[in-house]
Structure formats: C-alpha cells, structure tokens
Amino acid sequence: MNVVSELAVDPFAPGVRGIDDPHPARAALRAAGPIVRVEAPAGGPVWVITDAELARRAFVHPQIVKDPAYVPEHWDPRRAGLEPTAAEQLSLTTTDGPVHATLRRAHTPLFTARRTGERLDRMRAFARDLLTACADAETVDLTRDFTTRYPLAVVCDVLGVPPDRIDRAIAACRGMYSGDPAEVERAMMAFGELAAAALEDGRGLAVELRDRVPADLTEPQLHYLLFTLLFAGQLTTDPAVGFLLARMLSSDAPDIDPDELVRDTLRRHAPAPFSLWRFTCAAIEFGGVRLPARSPLLIDIQGIGTDPRRATEPDLVFGAGPHYCTGVHLASWELRAVVDVLRADFPRVRLAVPYEQLRQQDFGGIQGSRLTALPVRLRG
C-alpha cells in the first residue's frame, strides 16, 4: 500500500479541460495505491480510496460515518462545504445508524423505480415543452437554461412545488453556489418557502413524506429534508443532462440504446466525482492504514468508474450500502426521458460546434464538472 502526501496534480483544484479529457488526478490517484493520503481543501490530510472493493467496505463500515460532528477539530465546516451535524439538523446525508434507517424507510417507497417510472410521460412533456420553446433559434446553448430548468421542473413536480415557483427554485440553487454566506442564507430561506408551498399544494410527494417521517419532526426539519431533495435533484442532474446530450450527439453514439447511453455517460462523467465526506468515529485499521479518530475519507467514484481495468464491473456512481442514493431511479428516468424526446421530436438536432471543441469546467473541492457550453441546432 502506497501512502503519499503529495501528488503531481491536485485532485481538488478547479480547471477547464476537454469534454473527454480525463481529470489528470484520476490516474495519479490510482497509481498511488488503494488508499492515498493527500492534502484536504480545508487543510490537513484526507484519505482517498481508489480501490473498488475497499470503497465498498468503506460504504458499510460501522465506524466510518457521515455525521459532520466527527470532522477534524481544526476544520472550518463552511470552508469544507459541510452540512450541519446530525444533532443540529436531520438529513439523509448526515445521519447514521438507526436514525438514518428511519429516515430512509420514510423516503425509499416514494422513489422506487415503479413510482418514478410512472412519471416518465410527464418528464418527457417537460423536456419537450422546454426544448420546443427555444427550438426556433438558429443556435441555442442548452447549458444556459435547459440543463438547470429541466431537472428542477421535474423534481418540483414530483414534490408538489407549484410550477410558477420554478424561477424561484433556480435562483435559490444558484444562490447556494455563490460562496457568499448572506446569499446562501437567502437561498435557504427561499428553499423553506418552496417546501412550504409544496406541503400546502398537497399534490406531490412532499405531503406523503410528511406523513411517513417520525411524528416529532418539526416543520423546519421537514423543510430541510425537502430542501435536500430539491437541491440534490438539480446539483447532480444538471451537469449529467449536459454530458448526456453531448454524448448523444457525438459521432460515435447516435444509435446507442438509451439506457446504455445513460449508464455510459454517468460512468464517464460521474455527477459527483468523489463521495460525500466520511469520517472515522474511532481509531481504526483500514486498508492497511491506521486511521486516527476524526480522519476524513473520500471515495474516488469517478476514478473507480473509469478505471480501464474494471470497465465491465458495476460502478459506484450512486454509492453503495445504507447511503445508496435514494434518487437513483428518478435521475435515471429523467435522463432517459430527455434522450427519448430529442430522438422523437427533434430528429435533425445536431451540435453547432465539433464535439471535440466542447469543454468542461471542474469547480474544485469535491464538486464535479459541468460543460462550459452546449451549443446545438435543434432543427438541424
């Protein structure tokens, strides 16, 4: 096992690269070993897991937890982009053990493949209407509005947020990216208003979720659960839609099966290149390394998924274990729907620039990448 404190390339650095250019840190991390020590964005060491089997063990290890209460003591949680601790705010992404299991039991039946698949025609309708609205322009950059508006329209519809609040939802999502604490606070207030509107509307899954969570949850706690569904529904699906459409319009994938196209795109361009933060809640021996308590860990999801040695093996795009992504089926149907609509309703669609000229921006930290632009001619 190799332990390195420095790589030739910073795996957390922002940058711009070609659409099919691999992140230079992926191969460097794999070459360094199955578990690699690097400098964390918030300072101090972080252990990055690059081996698939070790990653699966980490996903289920009882002493590797999600609760930010176990962050290194010197970390600034805001700089690290962490949610409140589980004691401060209940969340699927920060609770562990029985508390997490209770929340998950409330969510999972609402997001099964069957229930989300029943909305496929509505997803297609959203995609069709949004694309038709901009189809007469000679060229349209789909990353300017469509790749954000489409997934938010879907998730708002699923939860019951009224359709006239979509612009408010878009503004709130963009506010979360600002880096300005005051702007983030305003965005969180907006998400609370959106959650309240969904509960008042009563036609979506927000009301069903309210009836399934523990009865002692407060209104702000319920609003926070709905915020995580709204924001996560945009944060990850937005870039995935862009990469999917670019891949679909490339010369080597015109007739590929749509489900295979979705899987292949997510493997190549994982919406989350790293897992969310995990921490050791006690000193443990893991992967041949002695990890002190409060050691931060990340799983290199994209590196594992694009490892040429395991190209045919299952990927970890949506995680594994008790924190396996609740929205996996919804996201997959959303992506399938937009492929169906482009092929059926816009058969002459094509890229307005050569595929090789498309670029992606890495946002840095543990965030993923997004196309800088996706100019297309919808009518050919």
Protein backbone atom coordinates (compact mmCIF):
# COMPACT_ATOMS: atom_id res chain seq x y z
CA MET A 1 0.00 0.00 0.00
CA ASN A 2 1.35 3.39 -1.00
CA VAL A 3 0.81 6.45 1.14
CA VAL A 4 1.64 9.78 -0.47
CA SER A 5 1.26 13.27 0.93
CA GLU A 6 1.58 14.98 -2.42
CA LEU A 7 0.52 14.16 -5.97
CA ALA A 8 1.83 15.81 -9.09
CA VAL A 9 -1.74 17.06 -9.65
CA ASP A 10 -4.11 18.48 -7.03
CA PRO A 11 -7.28 16.33 -7.17
CA PHE A 12 -9.33 19.21 -5.71
CA ALA A 13 -8.14 22.03 -7.99
CA PRO A 14 -10.56 23.86 -10.30
CA GLY A 15 -9.81 23.98 -14.01
CA VAL A 16 -11.07 23.61 -17.56
CA ARG A 17 -10.44 20.64 -19.87
CA GLY A 18 -11.83 18.97 -22.97
CA ILE A 19 -15.06 17.02 -22.69
CA ASP A 20 -13.35 13.64 -22.99
CA ASP A 21 -10.05 14.58 -21.34
CA PRO A 22 -9.75 12.59 -18.09
CA HIS A 23 -9.05 14.53 -14.95
CA PRO A 24 -5.27 14.22 -14.53
CA ALA A 25 -5.64 13.29 -10.87
CA ARG A 26 -7.65 10.13 -11.56
CA ALA A 27 -4.74 8.10 -12.94
CA ALA A 28 -2.33 9.63 -10.44
CA LEU A 29 -4.50 8.57 -7.51
CA ARG A 30 -4.92 5.03 -8.87
CA ALA A 31 -1.17 4.72 -9.37
CA ALA A 32 -0.51 5.88 -5.81
CA GLY A 33 -2.36 2.99 -4.22
CA PRO A 34 -5.73 1.75 -2.95
CA ILE A 35 -5.88 4.37 -0.18
CA VAL A 36 -3.97 7.59 -0.67
CA ARG A 37 -3.21 10.40 1.73
CA VAL A 38 -3.48 13.87 0.19
CA GLU A 39 -3.98 17.43 1.43
CA ALA A 40 -7.63 18.26 2.09
CA PRO A 41 -9.16 21.50 0.78
CA ALA A 42 -9.92 22.51 4.38
CA GLY A 43 -6.37 21.66 5.49
CA GLY A 44 -4.70 18.58 6.89
CA PRO A 45 -4.78 15.06 5.49
CA VAL A 46 -7.65 13.29 3.78
CA TRP A 47 -7.60 9.64 2.79
CA VAL A 48 -8.83 8.98 -0.75
CA ILE A 49 -9.96 5.42 -1.52
CA THR A 50 -9.23 4.40 -5.11
CA ASP A 51 -9.93 0.65 -4.96
CA ALA A 52 -13.47 -0.60 -5.69
CA GLU A 53 -13.56 -3.37 -3.09
CA LEU A 54 -12.07 -1.14 -0.41
CA ALA A 55 -14.63 1.51 -1.36
CA ARG A 56 -17.49 -0.93 -0.88
CA ARG A 57 -16.12 -1.81 2.54
CA ALA A 58 -15.94 1.87 3.45
CA PHE A 59 -19.56 2.43 2.41
CA VAL A 60 -20.74 -0.12 5.01
CA HIS A 61 -18.09 0.19 7.74
CA PRO A 62 -19.84 0.98 11.05
CA GLN A 63 -17.03 3.25 12.23
CA ILE A 64 -16.86 5.28 9.02
CA VAL A 65 -19.73 7.73 9.36
CA LYS A 66 -21.35 10.69 7.60
CA ASP A 67 -22.04 12.89 10.63
CA PRO A 68 -20.02 16.15 10.39
CA ALA A 69 -19.77 16.10 14.19
CA TYR A 70 -16.67 13.96 13.57
CA VAL A 71 -14.80 16.43 11.35
CA PRO A 72 -11.19 17.19 12.27
CA GLU A 73 -11.26 19.74 15.05
CA HIS A 74 -9.32 22.35 13.05
CA TRP A 75 -11.71 22.29 10.08
CA ASP A 76 -13.99 25.19 9.21
CA PRO A 77 -17.22 23.37 8.24
CA ARG A 78 -18.28 26.17 5.89
CA ARG A 79 -14.98 26.11 4.03
CA ALA A 80 -15.32 22.35 3.69
CA GLY A 81 -18.88 22.73 2.35
CA LEU A 82 -20.37 20.60 5.12
CA GLU A 83 -23.98 20.40 6.23
CA PRO A 84 -24.91 20.92 9.89
CA THR A 85 -24.22 17.98 12.18
CA ALA A 86 -26.87 15.31 12.63
CA ALA A 87 -27.68 16.73 16.07
CA GLU A 88 -28.20 20.18 14.57
CA GLN A 89 -30.25 19.13 11.53
CA LEU A 90 -31.67 15.77 10.49
CA SER A 91 -30.68 14.77 6.98
CA LEU A 92 -30.37 11.59 4.95
CA THR A 93 -26.83 12.62 4.07
CA THR A 94 -25.51 13.25 7.59
CA THR A 95 -27.22 10.73 9.85
CA ASP A 96 -26.08 7.18 10.53
CA GLY A 97 -27.37 4.01 12.13
CA PRO A 98 -30.99 3.71 13.35
CA VAL A 99 -31.79 7.41 12.83
CA HIS A 100 -30.70 7.21 9.20
CA ALA A 101 -32.56 3.93 8.72
CA THR A 102 -35.78 5.54 9.97
CA LEU A 103 -35.44 8.47 7.58
CA ARG A 104 -34.58 6.16 4.72
CA ARG A 105 -37.65 4.00 5.32
CA ALA A 106 -39.72 7.15 5.00
CA HIS A 107 -38.13 8.15 1.68
CA THR A 108 -37.45 4.91 -0.19
CA PRO A 109 -41.02 3.80 -1.07
CA LEU A 110 -41.65 7.20 -2.65
CA PHE A 111 -38.74 6.89 -5.08
CA THR A 112 -38.89 3.31 -6.32
CA ALA A 113 -38.31 2.51 -9.98
CA ARG A 114 -42.03 1.86 -10.41
CA ARG A 115 -43.27 5.06 -8.80
CA THR A 116 -40.77 7.32 -10.50
CA GLY A 117 -41.24 5.48 -13.80
CA GLU A 118 -44.94 6.33 -13.68
CA ARG A 119 -43.87 9.93 -14.24
CA LEU A 120 -41.89 9.23 -17.40
CA ASP A 121 -44.51 10.77 -19.69
CA ARG A 122 -44.61 13.92 -17.56
CA MET A 123 -40.82 14.13 -17.69
CA ARG A 124 -40.95 13.82 -21.47
CA ALA A 125 -43.56 16.57 -21.58
CA PHE A 126 -41.36 18.92 -19.55
CA ALA A 127 -38.38 18.23 -21.80
CA ARG A 128 -40.47 18.60 -24.97
CA ASP A 129 -42.04 21.90 -23.89
CA LEU A 130 -38.74 23.45 -22.80
CA LEU A 131 -36.91 22.40 -25.95
CA THR A 132 -39.75 23.46 -28.23
CA ALA A 133 -39.73 26.91 -26.63
CA CYS A 134 -36.17 27.51 -27.83
CA ALA A 135 -36.17 25.37 -30.98
CA ASP A 136 -36.66 28.20 -33.48
CA ALA A 137 -33.40 29.90 -32.53
CA GLU A 138 -30.64 29.15 -35.01
CA THR A 139 -28.37 28.05 -32.18
CA VAL A 140 -29.19 27.54 -28.51
CA ASP A 141 -26.78 26.88 -25.65
CA LEU A 142 -28.59 24.26 -23.60
CA THR A 143 -26.40 24.90 -20.53
CA ARG A 144 -27.69 28.47 -20.24
CA ASP A 145 -31.13 27.40 -19.03
CA PHE A 146 -32.38 23.98 -20.14
CA THR A 147 -29.99 21.74 -18.19
CA THR A 148 -30.92 23.61 -14.99
CA ARG A 149 -34.62 24.24 -15.59
CA TYR A 150 -35.49 20.74 -16.79
CA PRO A 151 -34.37 18.75 -13.71
CA LEU A 152 -35.83 21.37 -11.39
CA ALA A 153 -39.14 21.28 -13.24
CA VAL A 154 -39.19 17.52 -12.75
CA VAL A 155 -38.25 17.44 -9.07
CA CYS A 156 -40.60 20.34 -8.25
CA ASP A 157 -43.41 18.47 -9.98
CA VAL A 158 -42.57 15.28 -8.09
CA LEU A 159 -42.61 17.04 -4.72
CA GLY A 160 -45.58 19.30 -5.46
CA VAL A 161 -43.86 22.68 -5.71
CA PRO A 162 -46.22 24.82 -7.83
CA PRO A 163 -44.93 25.35 -11.40
CA ASP A 164 -44.95 29.12 -11.02
CA ARG A 165 -42.14 28.76 -8.44
CA ILE A 166 -39.58 27.23 -10.83
CA ASP A 167 -37.74 30.51 -11.36
CA ARG A 168 -37.57 30.92 -7.58
CA ALA A 169 -36.09 27.42 -7.32
CA ILE A 170 -33.49 28.18 -9.99
CA ALA A 171 -32.46 31.38 -8.21
CA ALA A 172 -32.19 29.52 -4.89
CA CYS A 173 -29.97 26.83 -6.41
CA ARG A 174 -27.69 29.43 -7.94
CA GLY A 175 -27.57 31.26 -4.63
CA MET A 176 -26.20 28.13 -2.97
CA TYR A 177 -23.18 28.29 -5.30
CA SER A 178 -22.35 31.93 -4.59
CA GLY A 179 -19.89 31.45 -1.74
CA ASP A 180 -21.43 34.49 -0.02
CA PRO A 181 -22.85 33.41 3.38
CA ALA A 182 -25.59 36.05 3.18
CA GLU A 183 -26.62 34.85 -0.28
CA VAL A 184 -26.61 31.23 0.88
CA GLU A 185 -28.81 32.20 3.83
CA ARG A 186 -31.28 33.90 1.48
CA ALA A 187 -31.26 30.81 -0.72
CA MET A 188 -32.03 28.59 2.28
CA MET A 189 -34.95 30.85 3.18
CA ALA A 190 -36.22 30.51 -0.39
CA PHE A 191 -35.97 26.72 -0.17
CA GLY A 192 -38.01 26.85 3.03
CA GLU A 193 -40.69 28.81 1.18
CA LEU A 194 -40.64 26.28 -1.66
CA ALA A 195 -41.01 23.40 0.81
CA ALA A 196 -43.94 25.15 2.50
CA ALA A 197 -45.56 25.72 -0.90
CA ALA A 198 -45.22 22.03 -1.78
CA LEU A 199 -46.82 21.00 1.50
CA GLU A 200 -49.64 23.49 1.02
CA ASP A 201 -50.21 22.40 -2.59
CA GLY A 202 -50.67 18.82 -1.42
CA ARG A 203 -50.43 17.10 -4.81
CA GLY A 204 -46.85 15.85 -4.66
CA LEU A 205 -44.68 13.55 -2.64
CA ALA A 206 -43.86 16.24 -0.07
CA VAL A 207 -47.15 15.52 1.69
CA GLU A 208 -46.56 11.77 1.56
CA LEU A 209 -43.10 12.27 3.02
CA ARG A 210 -44.53 14.42 5.82
CA ASP A 211 -46.91 11.59 6.69
CA ARG A 212 -44.13 8.99 6.71
CA VAL A 213 -41.39 10.71 8.75
CA PRO A 214 -41.39 10.48 12.56
CA ALA A 215 -44.26 12.46 14.03
CA ASP A 216 -41.98 14.51 16.27
CA LEU A 217 -40.12 16.13 13.35
CA THR A 218 -40.53 19.89 13.43
CA GLU A 219 -41.63 21.94 10.43
CA PRO A 220 -38.11 23.34 9.87
CA GLN A 221 -36.72 19.78 9.96
CA LEU A 222 -39.24 18.66 7.33
CA HIS A 223 -38.43 21.71 5.22
CA TYR A 224 -34.75 20.79 5.38
CA LEU A 225 -35.45 17.26 4.15
CA LEU A 226 -37.35 18.73 1.19
CA PHE A 227 -34.54 21.21 0.56
CA THR A 228 -32.04 18.37 0.23
CA LEU A 229 -34.26 16.65 -2.35
CA LEU A 230 -34.72 19.84 -4.36
CA PHE A 231 -31.09 20.93 -4.31
CA ALA A 232 -29.63 17.48 -4.88
CA GLY A 233 -32.10 16.98 -7.72
CA GLN A 234 -30.60 19.95 -9.53
CA LEU A 235 -26.99 19.78 -8.37
CA THR A 236 -26.26 16.37 -9.85
CA THR A 237 -28.73 16.08 -12.73
CA ASP A 238 -27.94 19.47 -14.29
CA PRO A 239 -24.38 18.55 -15.37
CA ALA A 240 -25.44 14.99 -16.21
CA VAL A 241 -28.03 16.26 -18.72
CA GLY A 242 -25.40 18.33 -20.50
CA PHE A 243 -22.90 15.49 -20.78
CA LEU A 244 -25.65 13.08 -21.83
CA LEU A 245 -26.85 15.27 -24.69
CA ALA A 246 -23.31 15.98 -25.86
CA ARG A 247 -22.55 12.26 -25.83
CA MET A 248 -25.79 11.51 -27.67
CA LEU A 249 -24.92 13.99 -30.42
CA SER A 250 -21.35 12.80 -30.83
CA SER A 251 -20.47 10.84 -33.92
CA ASP A 252 -19.80 7.58 -32.05
CA ALA A 253 -23.12 7.30 -30.17
CA PRO A 254 -26.03 8.17 -32.48
CA ASP A 255 -27.93 4.88 -32.18
CA ILE A 256 -26.82 3.53 -28.82
CA ASP A 257 -29.56 2.09 -26.58
CA PRO A 258 -30.82 4.99 -24.41
CA ASP A 259 -30.42 3.16 -21.11
CA GLU A 260 -26.88 2.15 -22.03
CA LEU A 261 -26.19 5.74 -23.10
CA VAL A 262 -27.31 6.97 -19.68
CA ARG A 263 -25.18 4.40 -17.84
CA ASP A 264 -22.13 5.09 -20.00
CA THR A 265 -22.44 8.85 -19.55
CA LEU A 266 -22.76 8.59 -15.78
CA ARG A 267 -19.74 6.31 -15.62
CA ARG A 268 -17.60 8.66 -17.73
CA HIS A 269 -18.89 11.86 -16.15
CA ALA A 270 -19.97 10.99 -12.62
CA PRO A 271 -22.05 13.92 -11.29
CA ALA A 272 -20.16 13.53 -8.00
CA PRO A 273 -16.53 12.56 -8.73
CA PHE A 274 -15.96 11.91 -5.03
CA SER A 275 -18.31 10.59 -2.41
CA LEU A 276 -19.59 12.99 0.20
CA TRP A 277 -17.32 13.32 3.21
CA ARG A 278 -16.99 10.46 5.61
CA PHE A 279 -15.14 10.40 8.94
CA THR A 280 -13.84 7.79 11.33
CA CYS A 281 -15.72 7.95 14.63
CA ALA A 282 -12.91 5.98 16.33
CA ALA A 283 -9.35 4.93 15.55
CA ILE A 284 -9.46 2.02 13.09
CA GLU A 285 -7.23 -0.13 10.91
CA PHE A 286 -8.48 0.16 7.35
CA GLY A 287 -6.88 -0.84 4.08
CA GLY A 288 -3.58 -1.47 5.82
CA VAL A 289 -3.54 2.03 7.32
CA ARG A 290 -4.02 3.06 10.93
CA LEU A 291 -6.53 5.91 10.83
CA PRO A 292 -6.99 8.08 13.92
CA ALA A 293 -10.46 9.10 15.04
CA ARG A 294 -11.85 12.05 13.05
CA SER A 295 -9.93 11.09 9.92
CA PRO A 296 -11.72 12.38 6.79
CA LEU A 297 -12.18 9.95 3.90
CA LEU A 298 -13.37 10.27 0.32
CA ILE A 299 -14.11 7.61 -2.28
CA ASP A 300 -12.85 8.35 -5.77
CA ILE A 301 -16.08 7.40 -7.54
CA GLN A 302 -15.08 8.71 -10.95
CA GLY A 303 -11.61 7.22 -10.77
CA ILE A 304 -13.02 3.80 -9.92
CA GLY A 305 -15.70 4.07 -12.61
CA THR A 306 -13.23 5.00 -15.34
CA ASP A 307 -10.51 2.53 -14.35
CA PRO A 308 -9.78 0.65 -17.61
CA ARG A 309 -9.02 -2.49 -15.60
CA ARG A 310 -12.65 -2.77 -14.45
CA ALA A 311 -14.61 -1.28 -17.34
CA THR A 312 -17.26 -4.02 -17.27
CA GLU A 313 -17.76 -4.10 -13.49
CA PRO A 314 -20.58 -2.32 -11.63
CA ASP A 315 -19.85 1.34 -10.95
CA LEU A 316 -20.35 3.32 -7.75
CA VAL A 317 -21.95 6.42 -9.31
CA PHE A 318 -24.85 6.32 -6.87
CA GLY A 319 -22.83 4.94 -3.96
CA ALA A 320 -23.46 1.69 -2.11
CA GLY A 321 -24.58 0.47 1.27
CA PRO A 322 -27.03 2.23 3.60
CA HIS A 323 -26.44 5.62 1.96
CA TYR A 324 -27.07 4.41 -1.60
CA CYS A 325 -28.67 7.33 -3.44
CA THR A 326 -32.42 7.49 -2.87
CA GLY A 327 -32.90 9.39 -6.13
CA VAL A 328 -31.19 6.86 -8.41
CA HIS A 329 -34.37 5.84 -10.24
CA LEU A 330 -35.70 9.37 -10.58
CA ALA A 331 -32.40 10.58 -12.05
CA SER A 332 -32.19 7.65 -14.45
CA TRP A 333 -35.73 8.20 -15.74
CA GLU A 334 -35.11 11.94 -16.13
CA LEU A 335 -32.09 11.29 -18.31
CA ARG A 336 -33.86 8.61 -20.31
CA ALA A 337 -36.79 10.98 -20.94
CA VAL A 338 -34.69 13.73 -22.49
CA VAL A 339 -32.99 11.25 -24.84
CA ASP A 340 -36.41 9.95 -25.92
CA VAL A 341 -37.69 13.46 -26.65
CA LEU A 342 -34.68 14.56 -28.67
CA ARG A 343 -34.77 11.42 -30.80
CA ALA A 344 -38.53 11.50 -31.37
CA ASP A 345 -39.28 15.22 -31.63
CA PHE A 346 -36.01 16.70 -32.86
CA PRO A 347 -34.60 14.11 -35.26
CA ARG A 348 -32.43 16.70 -37.03
CA VAL A 349 -30.78 18.03 -33.86
CA ARG A 350 -27.02 18.41 -34.08
CA LEU A 351 -24.15 20.10 -32.32
CA ALA A 352 -23.37 23.62 -33.52
CA VAL A 353 -19.64 23.07 -32.94
CA PRO A 354 -17.45 19.99 -33.31
CA TYR A 355 -17.80 17.64 -30.34
CA GLU A 356 -14.06 17.85 -29.71
CA GLN A 357 -14.35 21.60 -29.02
CA LEU A 358 -16.70 21.14 -26.06
CA ARG A 359 -15.08 21.94 -22.71
CA GLN A 360 -15.89 21.09 -19.12
CA GLN A 361 -15.17 23.12 -16.02
CA ASP A 362 -14.05 21.46 -12.78
CA PHE A 363 -15.40 23.52 -9.88
CA GLY A 364 -12.83 22.30 -7.38
CA GLY A 365 -13.09 20.65 -3.99
CA ILE A 366 -15.26 17.55 -4.13
CA GLN A 367 -17.65 19.13 -6.63
CA GLY A 368 -17.99 17.74 -10.11
CA SER A 369 -17.66 19.32 -13.52
CA ARG A 370 -20.10 20.86 -15.97
CA LEU A 371 -19.94 21.73 -19.64
CA THR A 372 -19.00 25.36 -20.20
CA ALA A 373 -21.42 25.46 -23.15
CA LEU A 374 -23.52 23.10 -25.27
CA PRO A 375 -24.50 24.93 -28.48
CA VAL A 376 -26.95 22.95 -30.61
CA ARG A 377 -29.22 23.41 -33.60
CA LEU A 378 -32.46 21.73 -32.62
CA ARG A 379 -33.95 21.93 -36.11
CA GLY A 380 -30.74 20.90 -37.85
